[in-house]
N, C-alpha and C. Protein backbone atom coordinates (compact mmCIF):
# COMPACT_ATOMS: atom_id res chain seq x y z
N GLN A 1 61.79 88.78 71.97
CA GLN A 1 60.00 89.40 70.95
C GLN A 1 59.56 88.39 70.55
N VAL A 2 58.49 89.11 70.44
CA VAL A 2 57.12 87.83 70.40
C VAL A 2 57.23 88.31 69.14
N GLN A 3 56.52 87.55 68.42
CA GLN A 3 55.60 87.92 66.30
C GLN A 3 54.22 87.82 66.57
N LEU A 4 53.55 88.89 65.85
CA LEU A 4 52.18 88.92 66.15
C LEU A 4 51.50 88.63 64.51
N VAL A 5 50.43 87.97 64.43
CA VAL A 5 49.78 87.86 63.09
C VAL A 5 48.92 88.12 63.38
N GLU A 6 47.88 89.13 62.31
CA GLU A 6 46.57 88.93 62.57
C GLU A 6 45.88 88.31 61.26
N SER A 7 44.54 88.21 61.74
CA SER A 7 44.10 87.35 60.61
C SER A 7 42.21 87.24 61.16
N GLY A 8 41.23 87.26 60.33
CA GLY A 8 40.12 87.78 60.41
C GLY A 8 39.16 88.92 59.95
N GLY A 9 40.07 89.66 59.15
CA GLY A 9 39.33 90.56 58.42
C GLY A 9 38.65 90.45 56.77
N GLY A 10 38.56 91.22 56.57
CA GLY A 10 37.62 91.25 55.59
C GLY A 10 36.83 91.99 55.20
N LEU A 11 35.39 91.63 54.20
CA LEU A 11 34.32 93.04 54.17
C LEU A 11 33.04 92.54 54.37
N VAL A 12 32.61 93.22 54.80
CA VAL A 12 31.60 93.30 55.77
C VAL A 12 30.14 94.18 55.66
N GLN A 13 29.02 93.69 55.29
CA GLN A 13 28.18 95.39 55.24
C GLN A 13 27.71 95.56 56.54
N ALA A 14 27.33 96.87 56.66
CA ALA A 14 26.91 97.55 57.87
C ALA A 14 25.84 97.08 58.70
N GLY A 15 26.56 97.04 60.43
CA GLY A 15 25.56 95.58 60.93
C GLY A 15 25.94 94.85 61.06
N GLY A 16 27.11 93.64 60.29
CA GLY A 16 27.30 92.56 60.54
C GLY A 16 28.46 92.64 61.62
N SER A 17 29.13 90.97 61.51
CA SER A 17 30.42 91.17 62.76
C SER A 17 31.38 90.34 61.86
N LEU A 18 32.40 90.52 63.24
CA LEU A 18 33.34 89.74 62.31
C LEU A 18 34.56 89.36 63.70
N ARG A 19 35.20 88.36 63.86
CA ARG A 19 36.02 88.32 64.26
C ARG A 19 37.28 88.03 64.20
N LEU A 20 38.67 88.87 64.73
CA LEU A 20 39.83 89.37 64.15
C LEU A 20 40.69 88.86 65.84
N SER A 21 41.56 87.35 64.63
CA SER A 21 42.53 87.19 66.05
C SER A 21 44.07 87.34 65.43
N CYS A 22 44.77 86.95 66.61
CA CYS A 22 46.05 87.94 66.77
C CYS A 22 46.63 86.45 67.09
N ALA A 23 47.56 85.94 66.32
CA ALA A 23 48.39 84.72 66.96
C ALA A 23 50.09 85.30 67.33
N ALA A 24 49.91 84.49 68.66
CA ALA A 24 51.53 84.92 68.90
C ALA A 24 52.53 84.02 68.58
N SER A 25 53.38 83.73 68.43
CA SER A 25 54.65 82.80 68.90
C SER A 25 56.20 84.04 68.90
N GLY A 26 56.97 82.53 69.67
CA GLY A 26 58.21 83.21 70.24
C GLY A 26 58.28 83.58 71.31
N ARG A 27 57.66 83.69 71.97
CA ARG A 27 57.23 84.45 73.49
C ARG A 27 55.70 83.84 73.63
N PRO A 28 55.72 83.51 75.47
CA PRO A 28 54.02 83.12 75.69
C PRO A 28 53.63 84.64 75.83
N LEU A 29 51.88 84.25 75.51
CA LEU A 29 51.54 85.60 75.42
C LEU A 29 51.59 85.56 76.77
N SER A 30 51.18 84.83 77.39
CA SER A 30 50.58 85.86 79.24
C SER A 30 51.49 86.67 80.06
N ASN A 31 53.28 86.77 78.90
CA ASN A 31 54.07 87.74 79.35
C ASN A 31 53.48 89.41 79.06
N TYR A 32 52.26 89.22 77.76
CA TYR A 32 52.20 90.46 77.63
C TYR A 32 50.66 90.97 77.48
N ALA A 33 50.94 92.26 77.72
CA ALA A 33 49.48 93.24 77.97
C ALA A 33 49.00 93.33 75.98
N MET A 34 48.13 93.06 75.61
CA MET A 34 47.65 93.28 74.42
C MET A 34 46.79 94.49 74.11
N GLY A 35 46.94 94.82 72.61
CA GLY A 35 45.45 95.20 72.16
C GLY A 35 45.23 95.57 71.20
N TRP A 36 44.45 96.19 70.37
CA TRP A 36 43.99 96.19 68.87
C TRP A 36 43.87 98.02 68.67
N ILE A 37 44.65 98.19 67.98
CA ILE A 37 44.73 99.79 67.27
C ILE A 37 44.56 99.40 65.90
N ARG A 38 43.12 101.06 65.08
CA ARG A 38 43.42 100.91 63.60
C ARG A 38 43.93 101.87 63.35
N GLN A 39 43.68 101.42 61.83
CA GLN A 39 44.74 103.00 61.09
C GLN A 39 43.39 103.35 59.79
N ALA A 40 42.08 103.89 59.70
CA ALA A 40 41.87 104.33 58.73
C ALA A 40 42.20 105.23 57.23
N PRO A 41 41.95 105.15 56.60
CA PRO A 41 42.84 105.46 54.90
C PRO A 41 42.93 107.15 55.40
N GLY A 42 44.31 107.13 55.25
CA GLY A 42 44.12 108.87 55.52
C GLY A 42 44.63 109.04 56.70
N LYS A 43 44.28 108.36 57.96
CA LYS A 43 45.01 109.09 59.46
C LYS A 43 45.66 107.98 59.88
N GLU A 44 45.87 108.32 61.10
CA GLU A 44 46.84 108.17 62.52
C GLU A 44 45.89 106.86 62.35
N ARG A 45 47.05 106.01 63.65
CA ARG A 45 46.78 104.85 64.29
C ARG A 45 45.91 105.23 65.65
N THR A 46 44.86 104.96 65.95
CA THR A 46 44.19 105.13 66.92
C THR A 46 43.89 103.95 67.55
N PHE A 47 43.62 103.67 69.16
CA PHE A 47 43.69 103.01 70.00
C PHE A 47 42.47 102.40 70.07
N VAL A 48 41.64 101.13 70.06
CA VAL A 48 40.59 100.89 70.03
C VAL A 48 40.30 99.51 71.20
N ALA A 49 40.91 98.56 71.69
CA ALA A 49 41.04 98.27 72.89
C ALA A 49 41.83 97.49 73.47
N ALA A 50 41.94 97.03 74.81
CA ALA A 50 43.42 96.23 75.44
C ALA A 50 43.16 95.87 75.93
N ILE A 51 43.36 94.36 76.27
CA ILE A 51 43.03 93.52 77.88
C ILE A 51 44.81 92.91 78.85
N SER A 52 44.58 93.36 79.90
CA SER A 52 45.73 93.10 80.59
C SER A 52 45.87 91.16 80.53
N ARG A 53 47.73 91.36 80.95
CA ARG A 53 48.06 90.02 80.81
C ARG A 53 47.42 89.12 81.59
N ASP A 54 46.30 89.12 82.21
CA ASP A 54 45.98 88.23 83.34
C ASP A 54 44.26 87.96 81.99
N GLY A 55 44.38 89.10 81.91
CA GLY A 55 42.75 88.93 80.99
C GLY A 55 41.73 89.23 82.12
N GLY A 56 42.60 90.33 83.21
CA GLY A 56 40.55 90.91 83.88
C GLY A 56 40.90 91.91 83.94
N THR A 57 41.14 92.65 83.12
CA THR A 57 40.88 93.67 82.85
C THR A 57 41.16 94.65 81.24
N THR A 58 39.76 95.31 80.48
CA THR A 58 40.04 95.49 79.71
C THR A 58 39.74 97.15 79.83
N ARG A 59 39.90 98.05 78.16
CA ARG A 59 39.66 98.73 78.30
C ARG A 59 38.96 99.12 77.20
N TYR A 60 37.81 100.43 76.27
CA TYR A 60 37.61 100.40 74.87
C TYR A 60 37.64 101.75 75.00
N GLU A 61 37.89 102.19 73.43
CA GLU A 61 37.84 103.68 72.51
C GLU A 61 36.23 103.73 72.72
N ASP A 62 35.47 104.99 72.94
CA ASP A 62 34.16 104.97 73.70
C ASP A 62 33.55 104.65 71.66
N SER A 63 33.95 104.93 70.94
CA SER A 63 32.97 104.78 69.74
C SER A 63 32.79 102.85 69.62
N VAL A 64 33.43 101.96 70.14
CA VAL A 64 32.95 100.98 70.05
C VAL A 64 32.70 100.01 71.27
N LYS A 65 32.61 100.81 72.33
CA LYS A 65 31.93 100.58 73.86
C LYS A 65 30.45 99.69 73.25
N GLY A 66 30.47 98.00 73.66
CA GLY A 66 29.21 98.24 73.05
C GLY A 66 28.80 97.18 72.35
N ARG A 67 30.13 97.10 71.52
CA ARG A 67 29.92 96.91 69.91
C ARG A 67 31.25 95.49 69.82
N PHE A 68 32.31 96.27 70.54
CA PHE A 68 33.56 95.09 70.80
C PHE A 68 34.06 94.79 71.81
N THR A 69 34.15 93.76 71.99
CA THR A 69 35.27 92.74 72.64
C THR A 69 36.48 92.31 72.51
N ILE A 70 37.47 92.69 73.49
CA ILE A 70 38.50 91.72 73.07
C ILE A 70 38.72 90.57 74.45
N SER A 71 39.24 89.91 73.96
CA SER A 71 39.52 89.09 74.67
C SER A 71 40.99 87.88 74.72
N ARG A 72 41.07 87.13 75.00
CA ARG A 72 42.20 86.32 74.98
C ARG A 72 42.46 84.66 75.92
N ASP A 73 43.11 84.10 74.90
CA ASP A 73 42.99 82.88 75.68
C ASP A 73 44.72 82.14 75.52
N ASN A 74 45.16 82.55 76.55
CA ASN A 74 46.62 82.04 76.62
C ASN A 74 47.13 81.20 76.34
N THR A 75 46.46 80.28 76.66
CA THR A 75 46.07 78.60 76.75
C THR A 75 46.48 78.11 74.62
N LYS A 76 46.48 79.00 73.56
CA LYS A 76 46.82 79.15 73.04
C LYS A 76 47.13 80.35 72.19
N ASP A 77 47.66 80.94 73.24
CA ASP A 77 48.48 82.06 72.06
C ASP A 77 47.99 83.03 71.78
N THR A 78 46.63 83.63 71.93
CA THR A 78 45.79 84.08 70.81
C THR A 78 45.20 84.98 71.93
N VAL A 79 44.89 86.87 71.00
CA VAL A 79 43.79 87.54 71.67
C VAL A 79 42.91 87.99 70.12
N TYR A 80 41.52 88.16 70.70
CA TYR A 80 40.40 88.02 70.02
C TYR A 80 39.99 89.34 70.13
N LEU A 81 39.35 90.05 68.89
CA LEU A 81 38.72 91.19 68.63
C LEU A 81 37.08 90.57 68.08
N GLN A 82 36.21 90.55 68.82
CA GLN A 82 34.95 90.47 68.34
C GLN A 82 33.73 91.46 67.90
N MET A 83 33.81 91.93 66.59
CA MET A 83 33.38 93.42 66.48
C MET A 83 31.65 92.73 66.04
N SER A 84 31.19 93.69 66.44
CA SER A 84 29.22 93.73 66.61
C SER A 84 28.61 95.10 65.80
N SER A 85 27.63 94.62 64.97
CA SER A 85 27.05 95.99 64.42
C SER A 85 28.51 97.35 64.14
N LEU A 86 28.47 96.93 63.25
CA LEU A 86 29.80 97.05 62.49
C LEU A 86 29.03 98.31 61.63
N LYS A 87 29.37 99.64 61.52
CA LYS A 87 29.50 100.64 60.84
C LYS A 87 30.82 100.96 59.62
N PRO A 88 30.35 101.68 58.67
CA PRO A 88 31.56 102.07 57.22
C PRO A 88 32.80 102.88 58.21
N GLU A 89 31.97 103.53 59.60
CA GLU A 89 33.76 104.62 59.84
C GLU A 89 34.26 103.33 60.64
N ASP A 90 34.29 101.56 60.77
CA ASP A 90 34.92 100.96 61.67
C ASP A 90 36.30 100.61 60.44
N THR A 91 35.81 100.97 58.93
CA THR A 91 36.63 100.29 58.13
C THR A 91 38.40 101.53 58.41
N ALA A 92 38.91 100.14 58.38
CA ALA A 92 40.64 100.23 58.90
C ALA A 92 41.17 99.34 58.45
N ILE A 93 42.41 99.01 58.69
CA ILE A 93 43.87 98.21 59.08
C ILE A 93 43.42 98.11 60.35
N TYR A 94 43.67 96.50 61.16
CA TYR A 94 43.02 96.54 62.27
C TYR A 94 44.69 96.08 62.75
N PHE A 95 45.45 96.56 64.04
CA PHE A 95 46.83 95.92 64.30
C PHE A 95 46.64 95.42 65.64
N CYS A 96 46.70 94.68 66.09
CA CYS A 96 47.13 94.01 67.64
C CYS A 96 48.66 94.31 68.16
N ALA A 97 49.26 94.76 69.17
CA ALA A 97 50.47 94.88 69.58
C ALA A 97 50.23 94.29 70.78
N ALA A 98 51.78 94.57 71.25
CA ALA A 98 52.34 93.50 72.74
C ALA A 98 53.00 94.59 73.64
N ASP A 99 52.88 94.65 75.08
CA ASP A 99 53.82 95.62 76.04
C ASP A 99 54.17 94.27 76.91
N ALA A 100 55.00 94.64 77.42
CA ALA A 100 56.18 93.43 77.94
C ALA A 100 56.35 94.09 79.59
N THR A 101 55.86 95.25 79.21
CA THR A 101 56.22 96.28 81.02
C THR A 101 55.30 96.70 81.94
N LEU A 102 53.82 96.21 81.28
CA LEU A 102 52.25 96.21 82.21
C LEU A 102 52.20 95.07 83.15
N SER A 103 52.26 96.12 84.42
CA SER A 103 51.69 94.60 85.37
C SER A 103 50.87 93.90 85.03
N PRO A 104 50.39 93.06 86.12
CA PRO A 104 49.37 91.84 85.10
C PRO A 104 48.18 91.55 85.11
N SER A 105 47.80 93.12 85.96
CA SER A 105 46.35 93.55 85.41
C SER A 105 45.67 95.13 85.11
N PHE A 106 47.12 95.35 84.67
CA PHE A 106 46.97 96.94 83.92
C PHE A 106 47.27 96.75 82.10
N THR A 107 46.65 97.55 81.90
CA THR A 107 46.10 97.53 79.84
C THR A 107 46.72 99.15 80.53
N THR A 108 46.87 99.46 78.66
CA THR A 108 46.91 100.92 78.31
C THR A 108 46.95 101.01 76.98
N ALA A 109 46.50 102.53 76.84
CA ALA A 109 45.88 103.14 75.31
C ALA A 109 46.68 103.95 74.62
N SER A 110 47.77 103.93 75.34
CA SER A 110 49.02 104.53 74.89
C SER A 110 49.60 103.74 73.64
N LEU A 111 49.53 104.43 72.59
CA LEU A 111 50.53 103.58 71.52
C LEU A 111 51.71 103.09 71.47
N SER A 112 52.37 104.95 72.46
CA SER A 112 53.89 104.54 71.91
C SER A 112 54.30 103.23 73.24
N THR A 113 53.71 102.76 74.43
CA THR A 113 53.93 101.62 75.01
C THR A 113 53.79 100.29 74.19
N TYR A 114 52.92 99.94 73.67
CA TYR A 114 53.00 99.23 72.79
C TYR A 114 54.87 98.98 71.93
N GLU A 115 55.48 97.55 72.10
CA GLU A 115 56.96 97.37 71.57
C GLU A 115 56.72 96.35 70.37
N ASN A 116 55.53 95.27 70.07
CA ASN A 116 55.79 94.68 69.34
C ASN A 116 54.41 94.95 68.33
N TRP A 117 54.55 94.40 67.09
CA TRP A 117 53.36 95.01 66.49
C TRP A 117 53.03 93.83 65.34
N GLY A 118 52.00 93.89 64.79
CA GLY A 118 51.62 92.78 63.78
C GLY A 118 51.17 93.48 62.55
N GLN A 119 51.44 92.75 61.30
CA GLN A 119 51.25 93.57 59.77
C GLN A 119 49.60 93.85 59.79
N GLY A 120 48.96 93.56 60.89
CA GLY A 120 47.65 94.47 60.08
C GLY A 120 46.84 93.41 59.56
N THR A 121 45.33 94.08 59.29
CA THR A 121 44.71 92.88 58.49
C THR A 121 43.29 93.88 58.58
N GLN A 122 42.96 93.94 57.38
CA GLN A 122 41.93 95.07 56.46
C GLN A 122 40.58 94.73 57.23
N VAL A 123 40.04 95.53 57.46
CA VAL A 123 38.19 95.48 58.03
C VAL A 123 38.10 96.29 57.04
N THR A 124 36.85 95.93 55.67
CA THR A 124 36.40 96.73 55.29
C THR A 124 34.64 96.69 55.51
N VAL A 125 33.96 98.18 56.20
CA VAL A 125 32.42 97.45 55.84
C VAL A 125 31.97 98.75 54.95
N SER A 126 30.88 98.13 54.71
CA SER A 126 30.54 98.40 53.10
C SER A 126 28.92 98.91 53.79
N SER A 127 28.26 99.64 53.15
CA SER A 127 27.33 100.97 53.96
C SER A 127 25.68 99.77 53.21
């Protein structure tokens, strides 16, 4: 099992930026396709972004396209989510998640595919 720890959340004004990090331990991050998922207050978890094991393929939820960028550094066992032009509706707990079943160039937006989850980091965007 891989252990995942998110960091980088906080309070930011609308229009601002944050970079979230997800550090993996226990297994090499290169074994996993990775995703970022968020849960807004009173709502279910929803897909935000994903990146393939080899880093060559990414996908995004429509509302974050052009504002968020997912990346990974397998040498540091870390995945990042750079968030820009933040909006109050981006306020949520952000989770990173890992899947070991996908082929190296594949990603998934299906939350049920992810086997390992971090504890989450809170992002609050004030208007």
